[in-house]
N, C-alpha and C. Protein backbone atom coordinates (compact mmCIF):
# COMPACT_ATOMS: atom_id res chain seq x y z
N MET A 1 -21.71 -7.38 -5.14
CA MET A 1 -21.06 -6.08 -5.24
C MET A 1 -19.66 -6.28 -5.81
N ARG A 2 -19.32 -5.47 -6.80
CA ARG A 2 -17.99 -5.49 -7.38
C ARG A 2 -17.18 -4.38 -6.75
N CYS A 3 -16.02 -4.70 -6.23
CA CYS A 3 -15.12 -3.70 -5.65
C CYS A 3 -14.11 -3.30 -6.70
N ALA A 4 -14.12 -2.01 -7.06
CA ALA A 4 -13.29 -1.54 -8.16
C ALA A 4 -12.24 -0.55 -7.69
N MET A 5 -11.09 -0.60 -8.34
CA MET A 5 -10.02 0.37 -8.15
C MET A 5 -9.75 1.02 -9.50
N LEU A 6 -9.54 2.32 -9.50
CA LEU A 6 -9.36 3.09 -10.73
C LEU A 6 -7.98 3.73 -10.73
N LEU A 7 -7.18 3.42 -11.75
CA LEU A 7 -5.85 4.02 -11.92
C LEU A 7 -5.86 4.83 -13.20
N GLU A 8 -5.87 6.14 -13.04
CA GLU A 8 -6.00 7.08 -14.17
C GLU A 8 -5.31 8.37 -13.79
N GLU A 9 -4.40 8.84 -14.64
CA GLU A 9 -3.64 10.05 -14.30
C GLU A 9 -4.43 11.35 -14.42
N HIS A 10 -5.40 11.43 -15.30
CA HIS A 10 -6.13 12.68 -15.50
C HIS A 10 -7.23 12.81 -14.43
N ASP A 11 -7.04 13.77 -13.55
CA ASP A 11 -7.94 13.94 -12.41
C ASP A 11 -9.40 14.07 -12.80
N ALA A 12 -9.69 14.92 -13.76
CA ALA A 12 -11.09 15.17 -14.13
C ALA A 12 -11.75 13.89 -14.65
N PHE A 13 -11.04 13.15 -15.50
CA PHE A 13 -11.60 11.91 -16.04
C PHE A 13 -11.77 10.88 -14.92
N ARG A 14 -10.73 10.72 -14.08
CA ARG A 14 -10.79 9.74 -12.99
C ARG A 14 -11.92 10.07 -12.02
N GLN A 15 -12.01 11.32 -11.62
CA GLN A 15 -13.04 11.71 -10.65
C GLN A 15 -14.44 11.56 -11.21
N ALA A 16 -14.61 11.92 -12.48
CA ALA A 16 -15.94 11.79 -13.10
C ALA A 16 -16.33 10.32 -13.22
N LEU A 17 -15.40 9.48 -13.67
CA LEU A 17 -15.70 8.06 -13.80
C LEU A 17 -15.95 7.43 -12.44
N ALA A 18 -15.14 7.77 -11.45
CA ALA A 18 -15.34 7.23 -10.10
C ALA A 18 -16.71 7.62 -9.56
N TYR A 19 -17.11 8.85 -9.80
CA TYR A 19 -18.44 9.30 -9.36
C TYR A 19 -19.54 8.49 -10.03
N LEU A 20 -19.44 8.31 -11.35
CA LEU A 20 -20.46 7.55 -12.08
C LEU A 20 -20.50 6.10 -11.61
N LEU A 21 -19.35 5.50 -11.39
CA LEU A 21 -19.31 4.11 -10.93
C LEU A 21 -19.90 3.98 -9.54
N ALA A 22 -19.63 4.96 -8.68
CA ALA A 22 -20.13 4.91 -7.31
C ALA A 22 -21.66 5.05 -7.26
N GLN A 23 -22.26 5.57 -8.30
CA GLN A 23 -23.72 5.70 -8.35
C GLN A 23 -24.41 4.37 -8.61
N ASP A 24 -23.65 3.41 -9.11
CA ASP A 24 -24.23 2.10 -9.42
C ASP A 24 -24.25 1.25 -8.15
N PRO A 25 -25.40 0.69 -7.78
CA PRO A 25 -25.49 -0.07 -6.53
C PRO A 25 -24.69 -1.38 -6.55
N ASP A 26 -24.26 -1.81 -7.72
CA ASP A 26 -23.50 -3.06 -7.82
C ASP A 26 -21.98 -2.85 -7.83
N ILE A 27 -21.55 -1.60 -7.75
CA ILE A 27 -20.12 -1.30 -7.79
C ILE A 27 -19.73 -0.46 -6.57
N GLU A 28 -18.69 -0.89 -5.90
CA GLU A 28 -18.13 -0.11 -4.81
C GLU A 28 -16.74 0.36 -5.21
N MET A 29 -16.54 1.66 -5.25
CA MET A 29 -15.22 2.21 -5.55
C MET A 29 -14.39 2.11 -4.27
N VAL A 30 -13.36 1.28 -4.29
CA VAL A 30 -12.56 1.09 -3.08
C VAL A 30 -11.28 1.91 -3.09
N ALA A 31 -10.84 2.36 -4.29
CA ALA A 31 -9.61 3.14 -4.33
C ALA A 31 -9.47 3.85 -5.67
N GLU A 32 -8.74 4.95 -5.63
CA GLU A 32 -8.37 5.70 -6.82
C GLU A 32 -6.89 6.02 -6.73
N ALA A 33 -6.22 6.02 -7.87
CA ALA A 33 -4.82 6.38 -7.92
C ALA A 33 -4.55 7.11 -9.23
N SER A 34 -3.53 7.97 -9.22
CA SER A 34 -3.22 8.72 -10.42
C SER A 34 -1.84 8.38 -10.99
N THR A 35 -1.07 7.58 -10.26
CA THR A 35 0.25 7.19 -10.75
C THR A 35 0.45 5.68 -10.56
N LEU A 36 1.42 5.16 -11.28
CA LEU A 36 1.77 3.75 -11.15
C LEU A 36 2.19 3.45 -9.71
N GLU A 37 2.98 4.34 -9.12
CA GLU A 37 3.43 4.15 -7.74
C GLU A 37 2.24 4.08 -6.77
N GLU A 38 1.29 4.99 -6.91
CA GLU A 38 0.10 4.96 -6.04
C GLU A 38 -0.71 3.69 -6.26
N GLY A 39 -0.89 3.29 -7.50
CA GLY A 39 -1.64 2.08 -7.82
C GLY A 39 -1.00 0.85 -7.21
N ARG A 40 0.32 0.77 -7.33
CA ARG A 40 1.05 -0.36 -6.73
C ARG A 40 0.87 -0.38 -5.22
N ALA A 41 0.98 0.77 -4.61
CA ALA A 41 0.86 0.84 -3.14
C ALA A 41 -0.50 0.36 -2.68
N ILE A 42 -1.54 0.66 -3.44
CA ILE A 42 -2.90 0.27 -3.05
C ILE A 42 -3.15 -1.21 -3.30
N VAL A 43 -3.01 -1.64 -4.53
CA VAL A 43 -3.41 -2.99 -4.90
C VAL A 43 -2.40 -4.05 -4.47
N LEU A 44 -1.15 -3.75 -4.52
CA LEU A 44 -0.16 -4.76 -4.17
C LEU A 44 -0.12 -5.00 -2.67
N LYS A 45 -0.58 -4.02 -1.90
CA LYS A 45 -0.63 -4.19 -0.45
C LYS A 45 -1.86 -4.99 -0.03
N GLU A 46 -3.02 -4.70 -0.63
CA GLU A 46 -4.29 -5.34 -0.26
C GLU A 46 -5.07 -5.81 -1.48
N PRO A 47 -4.55 -6.75 -2.26
CA PRO A 47 -5.26 -7.16 -3.47
C PRO A 47 -6.60 -7.85 -3.19
N ALA A 48 -6.77 -8.41 -2.01
CA ALA A 48 -8.01 -9.14 -1.71
C ALA A 48 -9.23 -8.23 -1.68
N GLY A 49 -9.06 -6.94 -1.50
CA GLY A 49 -10.18 -6.03 -1.44
C GLY A 49 -10.64 -5.51 -2.78
N VAL A 50 -10.01 -5.95 -3.87
CA VAL A 50 -10.31 -5.44 -5.20
C VAL A 50 -10.70 -6.59 -6.12
N ASP A 51 -11.86 -6.46 -6.78
CA ASP A 51 -12.30 -7.45 -7.77
C ASP A 51 -11.88 -7.05 -9.18
N VAL A 52 -11.98 -5.74 -9.45
CA VAL A 52 -11.72 -5.23 -10.80
C VAL A 52 -10.83 -4.00 -10.70
N VAL A 53 -9.77 -3.99 -11.50
CA VAL A 53 -8.93 -2.81 -11.63
C VAL A 53 -9.19 -2.21 -13.00
N VAL A 54 -9.41 -0.90 -13.01
CA VAL A 54 -9.56 -0.17 -14.27
C VAL A 54 -8.31 0.70 -14.39
N THR A 55 -7.54 0.49 -15.44
CA THR A 55 -6.28 1.22 -15.57
C THR A 55 -6.07 1.76 -16.98
N GLU A 56 -5.35 2.83 -17.06
CA GLU A 56 -4.88 3.42 -18.31
C GLU A 56 -3.55 2.76 -18.65
N LEU A 57 -3.18 2.76 -19.91
CA LEU A 57 -1.88 2.24 -20.30
C LEU A 57 -0.77 3.27 -20.11
N VAL A 58 -1.09 4.53 -20.37
CA VAL A 58 -0.10 5.59 -20.28
C VAL A 58 -0.24 6.29 -18.94
N LEU A 59 0.80 6.16 -18.12
CA LEU A 59 0.79 6.77 -16.79
C LEU A 59 2.00 7.68 -16.65
N PRO A 60 1.95 8.67 -15.78
CA PRO A 60 3.04 9.64 -15.72
C PRO A 60 4.37 9.05 -15.26
N ASP A 61 4.34 7.95 -14.55
CA ASP A 61 5.58 7.37 -14.02
C ASP A 61 5.82 5.94 -14.48
N GLY A 62 5.19 5.56 -15.58
CA GLY A 62 5.41 4.22 -16.09
C GLY A 62 4.34 3.81 -17.07
N ASP A 63 4.31 2.53 -17.33
CA ASP A 63 3.40 1.98 -18.32
C ASP A 63 2.40 1.07 -17.63
N GLY A 64 1.16 1.11 -18.07
CA GLY A 64 0.12 0.27 -17.49
C GLY A 64 0.41 -1.21 -17.60
N THR A 65 1.20 -1.61 -18.61
CA THR A 65 1.54 -3.03 -18.72
C THR A 65 2.46 -3.46 -17.58
N ASP A 66 3.27 -2.54 -17.05
CA ASP A 66 4.08 -2.85 -15.86
C ASP A 66 3.16 -3.17 -14.69
N PHE A 67 2.10 -2.40 -14.58
CA PHE A 67 1.12 -2.61 -13.51
C PHE A 67 0.43 -3.97 -13.68
N LEU A 68 0.10 -4.31 -14.92
CA LEU A 68 -0.52 -5.61 -15.20
C LEU A 68 0.38 -6.76 -14.75
N ARG A 69 1.65 -6.66 -15.06
CA ARG A 69 2.60 -7.68 -14.67
C ARG A 69 2.66 -7.80 -13.14
N ASP A 70 2.70 -6.67 -12.46
CA ASP A 70 2.73 -6.67 -10.98
C ASP A 70 1.47 -7.33 -10.42
N LEU A 71 0.33 -7.00 -10.97
CA LEU A 71 -0.93 -7.58 -10.51
C LEU A 71 -0.94 -9.09 -10.66
N ARG A 72 -0.49 -9.58 -11.80
CA ARG A 72 -0.50 -11.01 -12.05
C ARG A 72 0.42 -11.76 -11.10
N GLU A 73 1.50 -11.11 -10.67
CA GLU A 73 2.42 -11.75 -9.72
C GLU A 73 1.79 -11.86 -8.34
N VAL A 74 0.94 -10.90 -7.99
CA VAL A 74 0.33 -10.86 -6.66
C VAL A 74 -0.98 -11.64 -6.61
N ASP A 75 -1.83 -11.46 -7.62
CA ASP A 75 -3.14 -12.10 -7.62
C ASP A 75 -3.62 -12.29 -9.06
N ALA A 76 -3.54 -13.50 -9.53
CA ALA A 76 -3.91 -13.78 -10.92
C ALA A 76 -5.42 -13.71 -11.15
N GLU A 77 -6.21 -13.62 -10.08
CA GLU A 77 -7.67 -13.62 -10.20
C GLU A 77 -8.27 -12.23 -10.39
N ILE A 78 -7.53 -11.18 -10.09
CA ILE A 78 -8.07 -9.82 -10.26
C ILE A 78 -8.32 -9.59 -11.74
N ARG A 79 -9.52 -9.16 -12.05
CA ARG A 79 -9.87 -8.84 -13.44
C ARG A 79 -9.43 -7.41 -13.71
N VAL A 80 -8.95 -7.17 -14.93
CA VAL A 80 -8.42 -5.86 -15.29
C VAL A 80 -9.07 -5.35 -16.57
N LEU A 81 -9.65 -4.18 -16.47
CA LEU A 81 -10.16 -3.45 -17.63
C LEU A 81 -9.16 -2.35 -17.94
N VAL A 82 -8.54 -2.43 -19.10
CA VAL A 82 -7.70 -1.33 -19.57
C VAL A 82 -8.63 -0.37 -20.28
N LEU A 83 -8.71 0.85 -19.76
CA LEU A 83 -9.53 1.91 -20.33
C LEU A 83 -8.56 2.99 -20.75
N THR A 84 -8.32 3.09 -22.05
CA THR A 84 -7.19 3.88 -22.52
C THR A 84 -7.54 4.81 -23.68
N ALA A 85 -6.72 5.83 -23.83
CA ALA A 85 -6.81 6.72 -24.99
C ALA A 85 -6.00 6.15 -26.15
N VAL A 86 -5.17 5.17 -25.86
CA VAL A 86 -4.33 4.53 -26.88
C VAL A 86 -5.22 3.71 -27.81
N ARG A 87 -5.10 3.95 -29.09
CA ARG A 87 -5.95 3.26 -30.06
C ARG A 87 -5.20 2.20 -30.85
N ASP A 88 -3.92 2.09 -30.63
CA ASP A 88 -3.08 1.15 -31.35
C ASP A 88 -3.44 -0.30 -31.01
N ARG A 89 -3.85 -1.06 -32.00
CA ARG A 89 -4.29 -2.44 -31.79
C ARG A 89 -3.19 -3.31 -31.18
N ASP A 90 -1.94 -3.07 -31.58
CA ASP A 90 -0.83 -3.84 -31.01
C ASP A 90 -0.71 -3.60 -29.51
N SER A 91 -0.92 -2.37 -29.09
CA SER A 91 -0.87 -2.05 -27.65
C SER A 91 -2.00 -2.75 -26.91
N HIS A 92 -3.17 -2.81 -27.52
CA HIS A 92 -4.31 -3.51 -26.90
C HIS A 92 -4.00 -5.00 -26.78
N GLU A 93 -3.46 -5.57 -27.83
CA GLU A 93 -3.12 -7.00 -27.81
C GLU A 93 -2.02 -7.29 -26.79
N GLN A 94 -1.06 -6.38 -26.68
CA GLN A 94 0.00 -6.54 -25.69
C GLN A 94 -0.60 -6.52 -24.28
N ALA A 95 -1.52 -5.60 -24.03
CA ALA A 95 -2.17 -5.52 -22.71
C ALA A 95 -2.92 -6.80 -22.40
N LEU A 96 -3.63 -7.33 -23.38
CA LEU A 96 -4.35 -8.59 -23.17
C LEU A 96 -3.37 -9.73 -22.91
N GLY A 97 -2.25 -9.73 -23.61
CA GLY A 97 -1.23 -10.75 -23.40
C GLY A 97 -0.56 -10.65 -22.04
N MET A 98 -0.55 -9.44 -21.47
CA MET A 98 0.07 -9.22 -20.16
C MET A 98 -0.91 -9.48 -19.01
N GLY A 99 -2.16 -9.79 -19.33
CA GLY A 99 -3.09 -10.14 -18.28
C GLY A 99 -4.34 -9.30 -18.17
N ALA A 100 -4.49 -8.30 -19.05
CA ALA A 100 -5.75 -7.55 -19.05
C ALA A 100 -6.88 -8.49 -19.46
N THR A 101 -8.04 -8.30 -18.85
CA THR A 101 -9.19 -9.12 -19.18
C THR A 101 -9.95 -8.53 -20.36
N GLU A 102 -9.96 -7.20 -20.43
CA GLU A 102 -10.70 -6.48 -21.48
C GLU A 102 -9.99 -5.16 -21.73
N VAL A 103 -10.10 -4.65 -22.96
CA VAL A 103 -9.55 -3.34 -23.32
C VAL A 103 -10.66 -2.55 -24.00
N LEU A 104 -10.88 -1.34 -23.50
CA LEU A 104 -11.81 -0.40 -24.13
C LEU A 104 -11.09 0.93 -24.30
N THR A 105 -11.52 1.70 -25.30
CA THR A 105 -10.99 3.05 -25.42
C THR A 105 -11.87 4.00 -24.62
N LYS A 106 -11.29 5.13 -24.26
CA LYS A 106 -11.99 6.07 -23.39
C LYS A 106 -13.24 6.69 -24.02
N ASP A 107 -13.39 6.55 -25.31
CA ASP A 107 -14.60 7.09 -25.94
C ASP A 107 -15.75 6.08 -25.92
N ALA A 108 -15.56 4.95 -25.26
CA ALA A 108 -16.65 3.98 -25.13
C ALA A 108 -17.79 4.61 -24.33
N PRO A 109 -19.02 4.28 -24.65
CA PRO A 109 -20.15 4.81 -23.87
C PRO A 109 -20.02 4.38 -22.40
N VAL A 110 -20.37 5.28 -21.51
CA VAL A 110 -20.24 4.99 -20.08
C VAL A 110 -21.04 3.75 -19.69
N GLU A 111 -22.16 3.53 -20.35
CA GLU A 111 -22.96 2.34 -20.06
C GLU A 111 -22.17 1.06 -20.34
N ARG A 112 -21.39 1.09 -21.41
CA ARG A 112 -20.57 -0.08 -21.74
C ARG A 112 -19.46 -0.27 -20.72
N ILE A 113 -18.86 0.82 -20.28
CA ILE A 113 -17.79 0.73 -19.26
C ILE A 113 -18.36 0.12 -17.98
N VAL A 114 -19.49 0.63 -17.53
CA VAL A 114 -20.13 0.13 -16.31
C VAL A 114 -20.50 -1.34 -16.48
N ARG A 115 -21.11 -1.68 -17.59
CA ARG A 115 -21.51 -3.07 -17.85
C ARG A 115 -20.28 -4.00 -17.84
N THR A 116 -19.20 -3.55 -18.46
CA THR A 116 -17.98 -4.36 -18.50
C THR A 116 -17.42 -4.58 -17.11
N ILE A 117 -17.41 -3.56 -16.29
CA ILE A 117 -16.91 -3.70 -14.92
C ILE A 117 -17.78 -4.69 -14.15
N LYS A 118 -19.07 -4.59 -14.31
CA LYS A 118 -19.98 -5.54 -13.65
C LYS A 118 -19.71 -6.96 -14.11
N GLU A 119 -19.55 -7.14 -15.41
CA GLU A 119 -19.29 -8.47 -15.95
C GLU A 119 -17.95 -9.01 -15.46
N LEU A 120 -16.95 -8.17 -15.43
CA LEU A 120 -15.63 -8.60 -14.98
C LEU A 120 -15.63 -8.95 -13.50
N GLY A 121 -16.42 -8.23 -12.74
CA GLY A 121 -16.47 -8.47 -11.30
C GLY A 121 -17.34 -9.63 -10.90
N GLY A 122 -18.12 -10.14 -11.85
CA GLY A 122 -19.01 -11.26 -11.54
C GLY A 122 -18.30 -12.59 -11.69
N ASP A 123 -19.07 -13.65 -11.51
CA ASP A 123 -18.52 -14.99 -11.61
C ASP A 123 -18.42 -15.47 -13.06
N GLN A 124 -19.14 -14.81 -13.95
CA GLN A 124 -19.15 -15.22 -15.35
C GLN A 124 -18.18 -14.37 -16.14
N PRO A 125 -17.44 -14.94 -17.08
CA PRO A 125 -16.57 -14.15 -17.94
C PRO A 125 -17.41 -13.27 -18.86
N PRO A 126 -16.86 -12.13 -19.29
CA PRO A 126 -17.61 -11.25 -20.18
C PRO A 126 -17.84 -11.92 -21.54
N PRO A 127 -18.93 -11.56 -22.20
CA PRO A 127 -19.19 -12.13 -23.52
C PRO A 127 -18.15 -11.64 -24.52
N PRO A 128 -17.90 -12.42 -25.59
CA PRO A 128 -16.89 -12.01 -26.60
C PRO A 128 -17.30 -10.77 -27.34
């Protein structure tokens, strides 16, 4: 079972994705947050309960790369999927350089998002 946390400011998108992820028997949604502050409070307090963090880069109170830096200081083993509306390749590369494991845009098929979370939460690294 992969324990996932979702950090996404848009309620409708976050709730819909959390619902879809919770339907998968291999994924347990352990937390949701809509701001950088909420995400920090959840994961930085109890990082051991989370295998995969799914985060947006653009948050109402900060930048997702700040969150990546915080995560790496607390637990370098947490896998991070950046799921973003940002299409700028430099931003994607920056996120990967800051510790993201994978970057997908929000228009990725839901099957790919779910598969990526499963792969990130497993013992094997995701395929290139």
